[in-house]
C-alpha atoms as a PDB file:
ATOM      1  CA  MET A   1     -77.468  -9.417  -9.227  1.00  0.00           C
ATOM      2  CA  PHE A   2     -79.075 -11.653  -6.650  1.00  0.00           C
ATOM      3  CA  LYS A   3     -82.565 -11.543  -5.171  1.00  0.00           C
ATOM      4  CA  VAL A   4     -82.410 -11.869  -1.501  1.00  0.00           C
ATOM      5  CA  ARG A   5     -84.933 -12.631   1.267  1.00  0.00           C
ATOM      6  CA  VAL A   6     -84.190 -11.922   4.904  1.00  0.00           C
ATOM      7  CA  PHE A   7     -86.516 -13.563   7.511  1.00  0.00           C
ATOM      8  CA  VAL A   8     -86.599 -11.821  10.886  1.00  0.00           C
ATOM      9  CA  SER A   9     -88.267 -13.260  13.967  1.00  0.00           C
ATOM     10  CA  TYR A  10     -88.051 -12.943  17.716  1.00  0.00           C
ATOM     11  CA  LYS A  11     -85.433 -14.899  19.573  1.00  0.00           C
ATOM     12  CA  GLU A  12     -86.712 -17.982  21.519  1.00  0.00           C
ATOM     13  CA  SER A  13     -86.065 -16.160  24.761  1.00  0.00           C
ATOM     14  CA  VAL A  14     -88.282 -13.146  23.930  1.00  0.00           C
ATOM     15  CA  LEU A  15     -92.003 -13.121  24.634  1.00  0.00           C
ATOM     16  CA  ASN A  16     -94.157 -12.622  21.476  1.00  0.00           C
ATOM     17  CA  PRO A  17     -97.603 -11.641  22.793  1.00  0.00           C
ATOM     18  CA  GLN A  18     -99.041 -11.291  19.319  1.00  0.00           C
ATOM     19  CA  ALA A  19     -98.118 -14.870  18.398  1.00  0.00           C
ATOM     20  CA  GLU A  20     -99.744 -16.029  21.643  1.00  0.00           C
ATOM     21  CA  VAL A  21    -102.892 -14.258  20.684  1.00  0.00           C
ATOM     22  CA  ILE A  22    -102.909 -15.923  17.331  1.00  0.00           C
ATOM     23  CA  GLU A  23    -102.364 -19.329  18.789  1.00  0.00           C
ATOM     24  CA  ARG A  24    -105.353 -18.917  21.153  1.00  0.00           C
ATOM     25  CA  ALA A  25    -107.528 -17.782  18.300  1.00  0.00           C
ATOM     26  CA  ILE A  26    -106.420 -20.879  16.313  1.00  0.00           C
ATOM     27  CA  HIS A  27    -107.467 -23.029  19.246  1.00  0.00           C
ATOM     28  CA  ARG A  28    -110.762 -21.258  19.541  1.00  0.00           C
ATOM     29  CA  LEU A  29    -111.336 -22.252  15.928  1.00  0.00           C
ATOM     30  CA  GLY A  30    -110.984 -25.815  16.888  1.00  0.00           C
ATOM     31  CA  TYR A  31    -107.425 -26.584  15.817  1.00  0.00           C
ATOM     32  CA  GLN A  32    -106.121 -27.995  19.003  1.00  0.00           C
ATOM     33  CA  THR A  33    -103.280 -29.835  17.229  1.00  0.00           C
ATOM     34  CA  ILE A  34    -101.479 -26.537  16.385  1.00  0.00           C
ATOM     35  CA  SER A  35     -99.036 -25.242  18.939  1.00  0.00           C
ATOM     36  CA  ASN A  36     -95.838 -23.211  19.273  1.00  0.00           C
ATOM     37  CA  VAL A  37     -96.844 -20.508  16.815  1.00  0.00           C
ATOM     38  CA  LYS A  38     -94.049 -18.143  15.738  1.00  0.00           C
ATOM     39  CA  MET A  39     -94.379 -15.064  13.579  1.00  0.00           C
ATOM     40  CA  GLY A  40     -92.076 -12.680  12.024  1.00  0.00           C
ATOM     41  CA  LYS A  41     -91.496 -10.512   8.946  1.00  0.00           C
ATOM     42  CA  TYR A  42     -89.393 -10.832   5.733  1.00  0.00           C
ATOM     43  CA  PHE A  43     -87.728  -8.378   3.451  1.00  0.00           C
ATOM     44  CA  ASP A  44     -87.048  -9.095  -0.303  1.00  0.00           C
ATOM     45  CA  PHE A  45     -84.463  -7.022  -2.129  1.00  0.00           C
ATOM     46  CA  ASP A  46     -81.915  -7.131  -4.932  1.00  0.00           C
ATOM     47  CA  VAL A  47     -78.191  -7.119  -4.302  1.00  0.00           C
ATOM     48  CA  GLU A  48     -75.606  -6.254  -6.946  1.00  0.00           C
ATOM     49  CA  ALA A  49     -72.781  -8.575  -6.158  1.00  0.00           C
ATOM     50  CA  ILE A  50     -70.320 -10.757  -8.008  1.00  0.00           C
ATOM     51  CA  SER A  51     -70.845 -13.842  -5.993  1.00  0.00           C
ATOM     52  CA  GLU A  52     -73.506 -15.509  -3.725  1.00  0.00           C
ATOM     53  CA  GLU A  53     -71.121 -15.021  -0.857  1.00  0.00           C
ATOM     54  CA  GLU A  54     -70.832 -11.384  -1.373  1.00  0.00           C
ATOM     55  CA  ALA A  55     -74.640 -10.954  -1.722  1.00  0.00           C
ATOM     56  CA  VAL A  56     -75.146 -12.775   1.674  1.00  0.00           C
ATOM     57  CA  GLU A  57     -72.434 -10.727   3.254  1.00  0.00           C
ATOM     58  CA  VAL A  58     -74.232  -7.492   2.156  1.00  0.00           C
ATOM     59  CA  ALA A  59     -77.506  -8.782   3.274  1.00  0.00           C
ATOM     60  CA  SER A  60     -76.183  -9.839   6.614  1.00  0.00           C
ATOM     61  CA  LYS A  61     -74.595  -6.424   7.214  1.00  0.00           C
ATOM     62  CA  VAL A  62     -77.849  -4.669   6.331  1.00  0.00           C
ATOM     63  CA  SER A  63     -79.758  -7.074   8.719  1.00  0.00           C
ATOM     64  CA  ASP A  64     -77.436  -6.382  11.512  1.00  0.00           C
ATOM     65  CA  GLN A  65     -77.560  -2.649  11.150  1.00  0.00           C
ATOM     66  CA  LEU A  66     -81.165  -2.052  10.136  1.00  0.00           C
ATOM     67  CA  LEU A  67     -83.560  -4.920   9.485  1.00  0.00           C
ATOM     68  CA  ALA A  68     -83.364  -6.816  12.776  1.00  0.00           C
ATOM     69  CA  ASN A  69     -82.996  -5.679  16.372  1.00  0.00           C
ATOM     70  CA  ILE A  70     -80.215  -7.996  17.236  1.00  0.00           C
ATOM     71  CA  ASN A  71     -80.965  -7.822  20.944  1.00  0.00           C
ATOM     72  CA  MET A  72     -84.494  -9.269  20.433  1.00  0.00           C
ATOM     73  CA  GLU A  73     -84.528 -10.715  16.988  1.00  0.00           C
ATOM     74  CA  SER A  74     -82.706 -13.195  14.822  1.00  0.00           C
ATOM     75  CA  TYR A  75     -82.670 -13.599  11.085  1.00  0.00           C
ATOM     76  CA  HIS A  76     -81.707 -15.886   8.280  1.00  0.00           C
ATOM     77  CA  ILE A  77     -80.988 -15.139   4.670  1.00  0.00           C
ATOM     78  CA  GLU A  78     -82.035 -16.989   1.579  1.00  0.00           C
ATOM     79  CA  LEU A  79     -80.845 -16.433  -1.963  1.00  0.00           C
ATOM     80  CA  MET A  80     -83.966 -16.520  -4.115  1.00  0.00           C
ATOM     81  CA  GLU A  81     -82.355 -16.359  -7.518  1.00  0.00           C
ATOM     82  CA  ALA A  82     -79.581 -14.734  -9.536  1.00  0.00           C
ATOM     83  CA  LYS A  83     -80.747 -12.271 -12.208  1.00  0.00           C
END
């Protein structure tokens, strides 16, 4: 069994107004050196699989079909640990 984390975020070409609001608030707090704020979400779950490759393949299929809107979002997968 593998613990998997899938990070989902907007593609570079997609406007993310919430991240823009956060960046403006950061600047109002006086942190002018911070820019290019991105935000997203992540999902943690366990995958029963024989190998790391199989766990990543399953996570990728779930991400394509459910977790990410592939028209607007991209994702990357990290294996956290094997149980």
